[in-house]
Amino acid sequence: MNKLGYTYSFEVLNAGNFGIPQRRERVYTISND
């Protein structure tokens, strides 16, 4: 992504911490140019 001119950040979050009845970890990314 850096080579394409984007900056980004990511976080691994447990879906169960947000009211979803699963214990699955999910990766969320945020990027901008």
PDB file of N, CA and C in Angstrom:
ATOM      1  N   MET A   1       0.830  -1.188   0.000  1.00  0.00           N
ATOM      2  CA  MET A   1       0.000   0.000   0.000  1.00  0.00           C
ATOM      3  C   MET A   1       0.876   1.252   0.000  1.00  0.00           C
ATOM      4  N   ASN A   2       1.992   1.204   0.713  1.00  0.00           N
ATOM      5  CA  ASN A   2       2.878   2.365   0.724  1.00  0.00           C
ATOM      6  C   ASN A   2       3.397   2.686  -0.669  1.00  0.00           C
ATOM      7  N   LYS A   3       3.708   1.667  -1.452  1.00  0.00           N
ATOM      8  CA  LYS A   3       4.202   1.888  -2.814  1.00  0.00           C
ATOM      9  C   LYS A   3       3.156   2.541  -3.701  1.00  0.00           C
ATOM     10  N   LEU A   4       1.895   2.372  -3.383  1.00  0.00           N
ATOM     11  CA  LEU A   4       0.805   2.981  -4.147  1.00  0.00           C
ATOM     12  C   LEU A   4       0.453   4.378  -3.650  1.00  0.00           C
ATOM     13  N   GLY A   5       1.151   4.854  -2.617  1.00  0.00           N
ATOM     14  CA  GLY A   5       0.914   6.196  -2.110  1.00  0.00           C
ATOM     15  C   GLY A   5      -0.091   6.289  -0.979  1.00  0.00           C
ATOM     16  N   TYR A   6      -0.442   5.173  -0.391  1.00  0.00           N
ATOM     17  CA  TYR A   6      -1.411   5.167   0.698  1.00  0.00           C
ATOM     18  C   TYR A   6      -0.713   5.035   2.047  1.00  0.00           C
ATOM     19  N   THR A   7      -1.279   5.640   3.044  1.00  0.00           N
ATOM     20  CA  THR A   7      -0.896   5.358   4.425  1.00  0.00           C
ATOM     21  C   THR A   7      -2.010   4.511   5.019  1.00  0.00           C
ATOM     22  N   TYR A   8      -1.671   3.666   5.956  1.00  0.00           N
ATOM     23  CA  TYR A   8      -2.691   2.776   6.496  1.00  0.00           C
ATOM     24  C   TYR A   8      -2.362   2.387   7.929  1.00  0.00           C
ATOM     25  N   SER A   9      -3.368   1.922   8.603  1.00  0.00           N
ATOM     26  CA  SER A   9      -3.209   1.323   9.929  1.00  0.00           C
ATOM     27  C   SER A   9      -4.193   0.167  10.010  1.00  0.00           C
ATOM     28  N   PHE A  10      -3.904  -0.756  10.915  1.00  0.00           N
ATOM     29  CA  PHE A  10      -4.795  -1.896  11.071  1.00  0.00           C
ATOM     30  C   PHE A  10      -4.882  -2.281  12.530  1.00  0.00           C
ATOM     31  N   GLU A  11      -5.928  -2.985  12.853  1.00  0.00           N
ATOM     32  CA  GLU A  11      -6.173  -3.439  14.221  1.00  0.00           C
ATOM     33  C   GLU A  11      -6.898  -4.771  14.151  1.00  0.00           C
ATOM     34  N   VAL A  12      -6.499  -5.697  15.006  1.00  0.00           N
ATOM     35  CA  VAL A  12      -7.192  -6.976  15.126  1.00  0.00           C
ATOM     36  C   VAL A  12      -8.144  -6.855  16.309  1.00  0.00           C
ATOM     37  N   LEU A  13      -9.439  -7.031  16.059  1.00  0.00           N
ATOM     38  CA  LEU A  13     -10.459  -6.859  17.087  1.00  0.00           C
ATOM     39  C   LEU A  13     -11.280  -8.130  17.227  1.00  0.00           C
ATOM     40  N   ASN A  14     -11.689  -8.426  18.437  1.00  0.00           N
ATOM     41  CA  ASN A  14     -12.558  -9.562  18.709  1.00  0.00           C
ATOM     42  C   ASN A  14     -13.998  -9.098  18.520  1.00  0.00           C
ATOM     43  N   ALA A  15     -14.700  -9.716  17.591  1.00  0.00           N
ATOM     44  CA  ALA A  15     -16.072  -9.309  17.274  1.00  0.00           C
ATOM     45  C   ALA A  15     -16.996  -9.406  18.487  1.00  0.00           C
ATOM     46  N   GLY A  16     -16.725 -10.314  19.413  1.00  0.00           N
ATOM     47  CA  GLY A  16     -17.548 -10.473  20.605  1.00  0.00           C
ATOM     48  C   GLY A  16     -17.554  -9.253  21.509  1.00  0.00           C
ATOM     49  N   ASN A  17     -16.547  -8.407  21.397  1.00  0.00           N
ATOM     50  CA  ASN A  17     -16.492  -7.187  22.205  1.00  0.00           C
ATOM     51  C   ASN A  17     -17.427  -6.098  21.692  1.00  0.00           C
ATOM     52  N   PHE A  18     -18.082  -6.355  20.560  1.00  0.00           N
ATOM     53  CA  PHE A  18     -18.948  -5.354  19.950  1.00  0.00           C
ATOM     54  C   PHE A  18     -20.373  -5.847  19.790  1.00  0.00           C
ATOM     55  N   GLY A  19     -20.772  -6.790  20.637  1.00  0.00           N
ATOM     56  CA  GLY A  19     -22.149  -7.259  20.643  1.00  0.00           C
ATOM     57  C   GLY A  19     -22.473  -8.324  19.608  1.00  0.00           C
ATOM     58  N   ILE A  20     -21.479  -8.801  18.890  1.00  0.00           N
ATOM     59  CA  ILE A  20     -21.698  -9.857  17.903  1.00  0.00           C
ATOM     60  C   ILE A  20     -21.492 -11.194  18.603  1.00  0.00           C
ATOM     61  N   PRO A  21     -22.423 -12.133  18.486  1.00  0.00           N
ATOM     62  CA  PRO A  21     -22.313 -13.394  19.234  1.00  0.00           C
ATOM     63  C   PRO A  21     -21.291 -14.369  18.632  1.00  0.00           C
ATOM     64  N   GLN A  22     -20.077 -13.885  18.428  1.00  0.00           N
ATOM     65  CA  GLN A  22     -18.980 -14.712  17.923  1.00  0.00           C
ATOM     66  C   GLN A  22     -17.707 -14.296  18.638  1.00  0.00           C
ATOM     67  N   ARG A  23     -16.777 -15.220  18.752  1.00  0.00           N
ATOM     68  CA  ARG A  23     -15.481 -14.901  19.344  1.00  0.00           C
ATOM     69  C   ARG A  23     -14.401 -14.764  18.279  1.00  0.00           C
ATOM     70  N   ARG A  24     -14.813 -14.553  17.083  1.00  0.00           N
ATOM     71  CA  ARG A  24     -13.898 -14.477  15.953  1.00  0.00           C
ATOM     72  C   ARG A  24     -13.107 -13.175  15.961  1.00  0.00           C
ATOM     73  N   GLU A  25     -11.805 -13.276  15.714  1.00  0.00           N
ATOM     74  CA  GLU A  25     -11.011 -12.068  15.547  1.00  0.00           C
ATOM     75  C   GLU A  25     -11.116 -11.611  14.100  1.00  0.00           C
ATOM     76  N   ARG A  26     -11.183 -10.315  13.924  1.00  0.00           N
ATOM     77  CA  ARG A  26     -11.291  -9.745  12.583  1.00  0.00           C
ATOM     78  C   ARG A  26     -10.255  -8.641  12.446  1.00  0.00           C
ATOM     79  N   VAL A  27      -9.744  -8.494  11.246  1.00  0.00           N
ATOM     80  CA  VAL A  27      -8.766  -7.447  10.961  1.00  0.00           C
ATOM     81  C   VAL A  27      -9.493  -6.300  10.272  1.00  0.00           C
ATOM     82  N   TYR A  28      -9.337  -5.110  10.818  1.00  0.00           N
ATOM     83  CA  TYR A  28      -9.916  -3.907  10.234  1.00  0.00           C
ATOM     84  C   TYR A  28      -8.783  -3.008   9.791  1.00  0.00           C
ATOM     85  N   THR A  29      -8.881  -2.482   8.584  1.00  0.00           N
ATOM     86  CA  THR A  29      -7.863  -1.571   8.066  1.00  0.00           C
ATOM     87  C   THR A  29      -8.505  -0.234   7.719  1.00  0.00           C
ATOM     88  N   ILE A  30      -7.727   0.801   7.888  1.00  0.00           N
ATOM     89  CA  ILE A  30      -8.121   2.152   7.487  1.00  0.00           C
ATOM     90  C   ILE A  30      -6.971   2.695   6.656  1.00  0.00           C
ATOM     91  N   SER A  31      -7.298   3.224   5.483  1.00  0.00           N
ATOM     92  CA  SER A  31      -6.249   3.763   4.623  1.00  0.00           C
ATOM     93  C   SER A  31      -6.727   5.056   3.982  1.00  0.00           C
ATOM     94  N   ASN A  32      -5.758   5.876   3.591  1.00  0.00           N
ATOM     95  CA  ASN A  32      -6.067   7.107   2.868  1.00  0.00           C
ATOM     96  C   ASN A  32      -4.875   7.478   2.004  1.00  0.00           C
ATOM     97  N   ASP A  33      -5.140   8.338   1.036  1.00  0.00           N
ATOM     98  CA  ASP A  33      -4.052   8.769   0.160  1.00  0.00           C
ATOM     99  C   ASP A  33      -3.746  10.224   0.339  1.00  0.00           C
TER     100      ASP A  33
END
